[in-house]
Protein backbone atom coordinates (compact mmCIF):
# COMPACT_ATOMS: atom_id res chain seq x y z
CA MET A 1 143.00 98.39 28.36
CA LYS A 2 146.23 100.23 29.03
CA VAL A 3 149.36 98.24 28.27
CA ARG A 4 151.32 100.19 30.86
CA ARG A 5 149.08 98.82 33.62
CA TRP A 6 150.31 95.31 32.77
CA LEU A 7 153.88 96.22 33.70
CA PRO A 8 153.61 95.19 37.39
CA PRO A 9 152.54 91.56 36.76
CA LEU A 10 154.92 91.23 33.81
CA LEU A 11 157.84 92.62 35.81
CA TRP A 12 156.96 90.37 38.75
CA ALA A 13 156.90 87.35 36.40
CA GLY A 14 160.35 88.44 35.22
CA VAL A 15 161.59 88.61 38.81
CA ILE A 16 160.24 85.11 39.47
CA LEU A 17 161.95 83.72 36.36
CA SER A 18 165.20 85.50 37.16
CA VAL A 19 165.37 84.15 40.70
CA THR A 20 164.33 80.62 39.76
CA SER A 21 166.94 80.58 37.01
CA LEU A 22 169.76 80.98 39.53
CA PRO A 23 171.82 77.82 40.05
CA GLY A 24 171.07 76.00 43.29
CA SER A 25 174.51 76.91 44.65
CA LEU A 26 173.50 80.60 44.67
CA VAL A 27 170.25 80.07 46.60
CA PRO A 28 170.75 80.91 50.31
CA HIS A 29 170.32 77.81 52.47
CA SER A 30 168.86 79.99 55.23
CA LEU A 31 165.65 80.14 53.14
CA THR A 32 165.19 76.34 53.17
CA PRO A 33 162.94 76.21 56.27
CA TYR A 34 160.77 78.95 54.79
CA ASP A 35 160.70 77.65 51.21
CA LYS A 36 156.96 77.03 51.03
CA VAL A 37 156.14 80.35 52.74
CA VAL A 38 158.30 82.11 50.15
CA HIS A 39 156.50 80.29 47.33
CA GLY A 40 153.09 81.21 48.73
CA THR A 41 154.05 84.84 49.29
CA VAL A 42 155.66 85.34 45.87
CA TYR A 43 152.72 83.80 44.04
CA GLY A 44 150.24 85.55 46.35
CA LEU A 45 151.57 88.87 45.10
CA PHE A 46 151.50 87.54 41.55
CA GLY A 47 147.83 86.58 42.03
CA VAL A 48 147.01 90.08 43.31
CA LEU A 49 148.74 91.75 40.37
CA LEU A 50 147.10 89.47 37.81
CA ALA A 51 143.60 89.72 39.29
CA ARG A 52 143.85 93.50 39.49
CA GLU A 53 144.74 93.82 35.81
CA LEU A 54 142.35 91.15 34.57
CA SER A 55 139.49 92.89 36.37
CA GLN A 56 139.89 95.74 33.90
CA VAL A 57 138.67 93.48 31.08
CA THR A 58 136.32 91.11 32.91
CA GLY A 59 134.34 90.84 36.14
CA ARG A 60 135.96 90.77 39.57
CA TRP A 61 135.38 87.08 40.32
CA ARG A 62 136.12 85.95 36.78
CA SER A 63 139.43 87.84 37.06
CA VAL A 64 140.18 85.85 40.23
CA VAL A 65 139.64 82.54 38.43
CA LEU A 66 141.70 83.65 35.42
CA ALA A 67 144.48 84.96 37.68
CA ILE A 68 144.66 81.63 39.48
CA VAL A 69 144.71 79.67 36.21
CA LEU A 70 147.43 81.91 34.73
CA ALA A 71 149.54 81.86 37.90
CA VAL A 72 149.29 78.07 38.24
CA ALA A 73 150.21 77.60 34.57
CA PHE A 74 153.15 79.98 35.01
CA GLY A 75 154.19 78.15 38.20
CA ALA A 76 154.01 74.77 36.43
CA ALA A 77 156.13 76.07 33.55
CA ASP A 78 158.58 77.54 36.03
CA GLU A 79 158.86 74.28 37.98
CA TRP A 80 159.42 72.41 34.71
CA HIS A 81 162.13 74.89 33.65
CA GLN A 82 163.95 74.50 36.98
CA GLN A 83 164.83 70.89 36.19
CA PHE A 84 167.28 72.26 33.60
CA ILE A 85 169.02 74.60 36.08
CA PRO A 86 172.12 73.15 37.82
CA GLY A 87 171.38 72.32 41.45
CA ARG A 88 167.62 72.90 41.06
CA SER A 89 164.74 70.49 40.57
CA SER A 90 161.02 70.42 39.93
CA ASP A 91 158.88 69.96 43.01
CA VAL A 92 155.14 69.33 43.04
CA ALA A 93 154.97 70.68 46.63
CA ASP A 94 156.39 73.99 45.39
CA LEU A 95 153.71 74.14 42.70
CA ARG A 96 151.07 73.38 45.33
CA TRP A 97 152.23 76.39 47.39
CA ASP A 98 152.47 78.56 44.28
CA SER A 99 148.83 77.67 43.60
CA ILE A 100 147.70 78.28 47.18
CA GLY A 101 149.48 81.64 47.20
CA ALA A 102 147.93 82.69 43.88
CA ALA A 103 144.45 81.68 45.07
CA VAL A 104 144.77 83.48 48.41
CA GLY A 105 146.25 86.60 46.83
CA SER A 106 143.61 86.77 44.10
CA VAL A 107 140.71 86.26 46.50
CA LEU A 108 142.10 88.78 49.01
CA TRP A 109 142.43 91.33 46.21
CA ALA A 110 138.80 90.72 45.16
CA LEU A 111 137.55 91.06 48.73
CA TRP A 112 139.55 94.27 49.17
CA ALA A 113 138.15 95.64 45.89
CA LEU A 114 134.62 94.69 46.96
CA SER A 115 135.01 96.41 50.34
CA ARG A 116 136.41 99.49 48.66
CA GLN A 117 133.50 99.58 46.19
CA THR A 118 131.01 99.15 49.04
CA ARG A 119 132.62 101.98 51.00
CA ILE A 120 132.66 104.34 48.03
CA SER A 121 129.14 103.73 46.69
CA PRO A 122 126.38 105.92 48.14
CA SER A 123 124.16 104.32 50.75
CA ASN A 124 120.62 103.36 49.82
CA GLU A 125 118.60 105.33 52.31
């Protein structure tokens, strides 16, 4: 396992924490109608990055489950931490969309990896 390969998910987690640590007054109100889409997209990418790295140490589908568990735990901790940020609050609906995004991203990564493996492996003729 190469530590350097873990940089993308770790950096993305840092981006998530940095943005969610901003006071509510600095969050653009133009994002409000798209809040849940943003949550799903951000955690979808997080799920992809986690599943990709976890697959290096375990099976493809086990990495999907672990990626979802880790992303949901991270999302729950992040929602909890937001209650201490001025102008921010914890929201179960946000955590729901974080979880959905992580699940969709992880599964899409696994399906992409499976299709790539199928394309690369020699045909059984």
